PDB file of N, CA and C in Angstrom:
ATOM      1  N   MET A   1     -16.321  -7.786   9.166  1.00  0.00           N
ATOM      2  CA  MET A   1     -15.107  -7.022   9.384  1.00  0.00           C
ATOM      3  C   MET A   1     -14.410  -6.725   8.055  1.00  0.00           C
ATOM      4  N   ALA A   2     -14.312  -7.723   7.187  1.00  0.00           N
ATOM      5  CA  ALA A   2     -13.646  -7.522   5.902  1.00  0.00           C
ATOM      6  C   ALA A   2     -14.388  -6.486   5.063  1.00  0.00           C
ATOM      7  N   LYS A   3     -15.717  -6.515   5.111  1.00  0.00           N
ATOM      8  CA  LYS A   3     -16.505  -5.560   4.331  1.00  0.00           C
ATOM      9  C   LYS A   3     -16.230  -4.128   4.784  1.00  0.00           C
ATOM     10  N   ARG A   4     -16.138  -3.918   6.086  1.00  0.00           N
ATOM     11  CA  ARG A   4     -15.840  -2.573   6.599  1.00  0.00           C
ATOM     12  C   ARG A   4     -14.462  -2.110   6.133  1.00  0.00           C
ATOM     13  N   PHE A   5     -13.484  -3.017   6.173  1.00  0.00           N
ATOM     14  CA  PHE A   5     -12.133  -2.669   5.740  1.00  0.00           C
ATOM     15  C   PHE A   5     -12.120  -2.329   4.250  1.00  0.00           C
ATOM     16  N   LEU A   6     -12.796  -3.139   3.438  1.00  0.00           N
ATOM     17  CA  LEU A   6     -12.830  -2.878   2.000  1.00  0.00           C
ATOM     18  C   LEU A   6     -13.542  -1.566   1.691  1.00  0.00           C
ATOM     19  N   ASN A   7     -14.590  -1.252   2.431  1.00  0.00           N
ATOM     20  CA  ASN A   7     -15.265   0.038   2.254  1.00  0.00           C
ATOM     21  C   ASN A   7     -14.341   1.193   2.620  1.00  0.00           C
ATOM     22  N   PHE A   8     -13.568   1.021   3.683  1.00  0.00           N
ATOM     23  CA  PHE A   8     -12.595   2.039   4.084  1.00  0.00           C
ATOM     24  C   PHE A   8     -11.571   2.264   2.968  1.00  0.00           C
ATOM     25  N   ILE A   9     -11.053   1.174   2.416  1.00  0.00           N
ATOM     26  CA  ILE A   9     -10.067   1.276   1.330  1.00  0.00           C
ATOM     27  C   ILE A   9     -10.687   1.968   0.117  1.00  0.00           C
ATOM     28  N   ALA A  10     -11.907   1.592  -0.240  1.00  0.00           N
ATOM     29  CA  ALA A  10     -12.579   2.198  -1.396  1.00  0.00           C
ATOM     30  C   ALA A  10     -12.752   3.702  -1.203  1.00  0.00           C
ATOM     31  N   ARG A  11     -13.178   4.111  -0.018  1.00  0.00           N
ATOM     32  CA  ARG A  11     -13.349   5.547   0.255  1.00  0.00           C
ATOM     33  C   ARG A  11     -12.011   6.279   0.181  1.00  0.00           C
ATOM     34  N   ASP A  12     -10.964   5.670   0.716  1.00  0.00           N
ATOM     35  CA  ASP A  12      -9.647   6.302   0.693  1.00  0.00           C
ATOM     36  C   ASP A  12      -9.139   6.455  -0.738  1.00  0.00           C
ATOM     37  N   ILE A  13      -9.365   5.444  -1.567  1.00  0.00           N
ATOM     38  CA  ILE A  13      -8.946   5.527  -2.969  1.00  0.00           C
ATOM     39  C   ILE A  13      -9.702   6.644  -3.681  1.00  0.00           C
ATOM     40  N   GLU A  14     -11.008   6.753  -3.409  1.00  0.00           N
ATOM     41  CA  GLU A  14     -11.800   7.819  -4.032  1.00  0.00           C
ATOM     42  C   GLU A  14     -11.317   9.201  -3.602  1.00  0.00           C
ATOM     43  N   LYS A  15     -10.966   9.347  -2.334  1.00  0.00           N
ATOM     44  CA  LYS A  15     -10.555  10.649  -1.807  1.00  0.00           C
ATOM     45  C   LYS A  15      -9.101  10.986  -2.135  1.00  0.00           C
ATOM     46  N   ASN A  16      -8.260   9.964  -2.284  1.00  0.00           N
ATOM     47  CA  ASN A  16      -6.818  10.190  -2.458  1.00  0.00           C
ATOM     48  C   ASN A  16      -6.239   9.350  -3.594  1.00  0.00           C
ATOM     49  N   PRO A  17      -6.756   9.488  -4.814  1.00  0.00           N
ATOM     50  CA  PRO A  17      -6.250   8.651  -5.911  1.00  0.00           C
ATOM     51  C   PRO A  17      -4.769   8.902  -6.219  1.00  0.00           C
ATOM     52  N   GLN A  18      -4.260  10.040  -5.799  1.00  0.00           N
ATOM     53  CA  GLN A  18      -2.854  10.356  -6.049  1.00  0.00           C
ATOM     54  C   GLN A  18      -1.907   9.436  -5.277  1.00  0.00           C
ATOM     55  N   HIS A  19      -2.416   8.723  -4.275  1.00  0.00           N
ATOM     56  CA  HIS A  19      -1.572   7.825  -3.486  1.00  0.00           C
ATOM     57  C   HIS A  19      -1.445   6.430  -4.089  1.00  0.00           C
ATOM     58  N   LEU A  20      -2.247   6.127  -5.106  1.00  0.00           N
ATOM     59  CA  LEU A  20      -2.164   4.809  -5.734  1.00  0.00           C
ATOM     60  C   LEU A  20      -0.845   4.659  -6.466  1.00  0.00           C
ATOM     61  N   GLN A  21      -0.274   3.475  -6.383  1.00  0.00           N
ATOM     62  CA  GLN A  21       0.975   3.180  -7.077  1.00  0.00           C
ATOM     63  C   GLN A  21       0.845   1.844  -7.789  1.00  0.00           C
ATOM     64  N   ALA A  22       1.427   1.762  -8.955  1.00  0.00           N
ATOM     65  CA  ALA A  22       1.427   0.508  -9.706  1.00  0.00           C
ATOM     66  C   ALA A  22       2.348  -0.496  -9.013  1.00  0.00           C
ATOM     67  N   ILE A  23       1.992  -1.756  -9.134  1.00  0.00           N
ATOM     68  CA  ILE A  23       2.829  -2.825  -8.585  1.00  0.00           C
ATOM     69  C   ILE A  23       3.848  -3.208  -9.649  1.00  0.00           C
ATOM     70  N   SER A  24       5.094  -3.294  -9.268  1.00  0.00           N
ATOM     71  CA  SER A  24       6.142  -3.625 -10.232  1.00  0.00           C
ATOM     72  C   SER A  24       6.068  -5.095 -10.630  1.00  0.00           C
ATOM     73  N   SER A  25       6.567  -5.391 -11.815  1.00  0.00           N
ATOM     74  CA  SER A  25       6.590  -6.785 -12.271  1.00  0.00           C
ATOM     75  C   SER A  25       7.504  -7.627 -11.385  1.00  0.00           C
ATOM     76  N   ASP A  26       8.527  -7.018 -10.796  1.00  0.00           N
ATOM     77  CA  ASP A  26       9.400  -7.748  -9.866  1.00  0.00           C
ATOM     78  C   ASP A  26       8.632  -8.192  -8.623  1.00  0.00           C
ATOM     79  N   LEU A  27       7.785  -7.319  -8.094  1.00  0.00           N
ATOM     80  CA  LEU A  27       6.983  -7.677  -6.928  1.00  0.00           C
ATOM     81  C   LEU A  27       5.983  -8.778  -7.280  1.00  0.00           C
ATOM     82  N   VAL A  28       5.354  -8.671  -8.442  1.00  0.00           N
ATOM     83  CA  VAL A  28       4.418  -9.711  -8.883  1.00  0.00           C
ATOM     84  C   VAL A  28       5.136 -11.049  -8.977  1.00  0.00           C
ATOM     85  N   SER A  29       6.311 -11.069  -9.563  1.00  0.00           N
ATOM     86  CA  SER A  29       7.088 -12.309  -9.681  1.00  0.00           C
ATOM     87  C   SER A  29       7.450 -12.869  -8.316  1.00  0.00           C
ATOM     88  N   ARG A  30       7.829 -12.010  -7.409  1.00  0.00           N
ATOM     89  CA  ARG A  30       8.201 -12.447  -6.056  1.00  0.00           C
ATOM     90  C   ARG A  30       7.008 -13.071  -5.332  1.00  0.00           C
ATOM     91  N   VAL A  31       5.873 -12.421  -5.400  1.00  0.00           N
ATOM     92  CA  VAL A  31       4.672 -12.951  -4.753  1.00  0.00           C
ATOM     93  C   VAL A  31       4.275 -14.279  -5.388  1.00  0.00           C
ATOM     94  N   GLN A  32       4.327 -14.361  -6.705  1.00  0.00           N
ATOM     95  CA  GLN A  32       3.991 -15.619  -7.380  1.00  0.00           C
ATOM     96  C   GLN A  32       4.921 -16.744  -6.941  1.00  0.00           C
ATOM     97  N   SER A  33       6.195 -16.447  -6.761  1.00  0.00           N
ATOM     98  CA  SER A  33       7.132 -17.484  -6.328  1.00  0.00           C
ATOM     99  C   SER A  33       6.851 -17.920  -4.891  1.00  0.00           C
ATOM    100  N   LEU A  34       6.350 -17.015  -4.070  1.00  0.00           N
ATOM    101  CA  LEU A  34       6.054 -17.356  -2.678  1.00  0.00           C
ATOM    102  C   LEU A  34       4.822 -18.243  -2.537  1.00  0.00           C
ATOM    103  N   VAL A  35       3.869 -18.110  -3.449  1.00  0.00           N
ATOM    104  CA  VAL A  35       2.616 -18.862  -3.331  1.00  0.00           C
ATOM    105  C   VAL A  35       2.474 -19.976  -4.367  1.00  0.00           C
ATOM    106  N   ALA A  36       3.503 -20.211  -5.148  1.00  0.00           N
ATOM    107  CA  ALA A  36       3.424 -21.189  -6.238  1.00  0.00           C
ATOM    108  C   ALA A  36       3.064 -22.585  -5.753  1.00  0.00           C
ATOM    109  N   GLU A  37       3.536 -22.990  -4.607  1.00  0.00           N
ATOM    110  CA  GLU A  37       3.315 -24.346  -4.096  1.00  0.00           C
ATOM    111  C   GLU A  37       2.144 -24.435  -3.117  1.00  0.00           C
ATOM    112  N   VAL A  38       1.407 -23.362  -2.936  1.00  0.00           N
ATOM    113  CA  VAL A  38       0.327 -23.328  -1.955  1.00  0.00           C
ATOM    114  C   VAL A  38      -0.957 -23.874  -2.576  1.00  0.00           C
ATOM    115  N   ASP A  39      -1.557 -24.869  -1.910  1.00  0.00           N
ATOM    116  CA  ASP A  39      -2.856 -25.396  -2.317  1.00  0.00           C
ATOM    117  C   ASP A  39      -3.923 -24.735  -1.463  1.00  0.00           C
ATOM    118  N   LEU A  40      -4.982 -24.276  -2.114  1.00  0.00           N
ATOM    119  CA  LEU A  40      -6.027 -23.562  -1.401  1.00  0.00           C
ATOM    120  C   LEU A  40      -7.384 -24.006  -1.913  1.00  0.00           C
ATOM    121  N   ASP A  41      -8.250 -24.399  -1.000  1.00  0.00           N
ATOM    122  CA  ASP A  41      -9.617 -24.780  -1.342  1.00  0.00           C
ATOM    123  C   ASP A  41     -10.535 -23.656  -0.882  1.00  0.00           C
ATOM    124  N   LEU A  42     -10.971 -22.826  -1.822  1.00  0.00           N
ATOM    125  CA  LEU A  42     -11.812 -21.684  -1.474  1.00  0.00           C
ATOM    126  C   LEU A  42     -13.204 -22.101  -1.021  1.00  0.00           C
ATOM    127  N   ASP A  43     -13.570 -23.363  -1.269  1.00  0.00           N
ATOM    128  CA  ASP A  43     -14.884 -23.854  -0.849  1.00  0.00           C
ATOM    129  C   ASP A  43     -14.856 -24.501   0.530  1.00  0.00           C
ATOM    130  N   ALA A  44     -13.674 -24.705   1.088  1.00  0.00           N
ATOM    131  CA  ALA A  44     -13.561 -25.345   2.402  1.00  0.00           C
ATOM    132  C   ALA A  44     -13.999 -24.368   3.491  1.00  0.00           C
ATOM    133  N   PRO A  45     -14.755 -24.847   4.473  1.00  0.00           N
ATOM    134  CA  PRO A  45     -15.163 -23.958   5.571  1.00  0.00           C
ATOM    135  C   PRO A  45     -13.960 -23.580   6.431  1.00  0.00           C
ATOM    136  N   LEU A  46     -14.026 -22.401   7.012  1.00  0.00           N
ATOM    137  CA  LEU A  46     -12.976 -21.962   7.925  1.00  0.00           C
ATOM    138  C   LEU A  46     -13.111 -22.705   9.245  1.00  0.00           C
ATOM    139  N   SER A  47     -11.991 -22.972   9.865  1.00  0.00           N
ATOM    140  CA  SER A  47     -12.037 -23.566  11.196  1.00  0.00           C
ATOM    141  C   SER A  47     -12.328 -22.460  12.209  1.00  0.00           C
ATOM    142  N   ASP A  48     -12.705 -22.829  13.421  1.00  0.00           N
ATOM    143  CA  ASP A  48     -12.956 -21.830  14.467  1.00  0.00           C
ATOM    144  C   ASP A  48     -11.725 -20.964  14.694  1.00  0.00           C
ATOM    145  N   GLU A  49     -10.556 -21.556  14.544  1.00  0.00           N
ATOM    146  CA  GLU A  49      -9.294 -20.844  14.756  1.00  0.00           C
ATOM    147  C   GLU A  49      -9.073 -19.769  13.693  1.00  0.00           C
ATOM    148  N   ASP A  50      -9.582 -19.989  12.465  1.00  0.00           N
ATOM    149  CA  ASP A  50      -9.386 -19.051  11.366  1.00  0.00           C
ATOM    150  C   ASP A  50     -10.346 -17.874  11.394  1.00  0.00           C
ATOM    151  N   GLU A  51     -11.453 -17.997  12.091  1.00  0.00           N
ATOM    152  CA  GLU A  51     -12.468 -16.943  12.056  1.00  0.00           C
ATOM    153  C   GLU A  51     -12.196 -15.846  13.024  1.00  0.00           C
TER     154      GLU A  51
END
């Protein structure tokens, strides 16, 4: 499912590059503050609930 979505996004970017917008440094700072305390193990298997 994720691969199909990413392919859709890639095609849309190729067809409509004029719609791309830069992310502001304020937004980057806000997102970083929201996830600063989050621990994530990218090697951990997903639970049945997450899939």
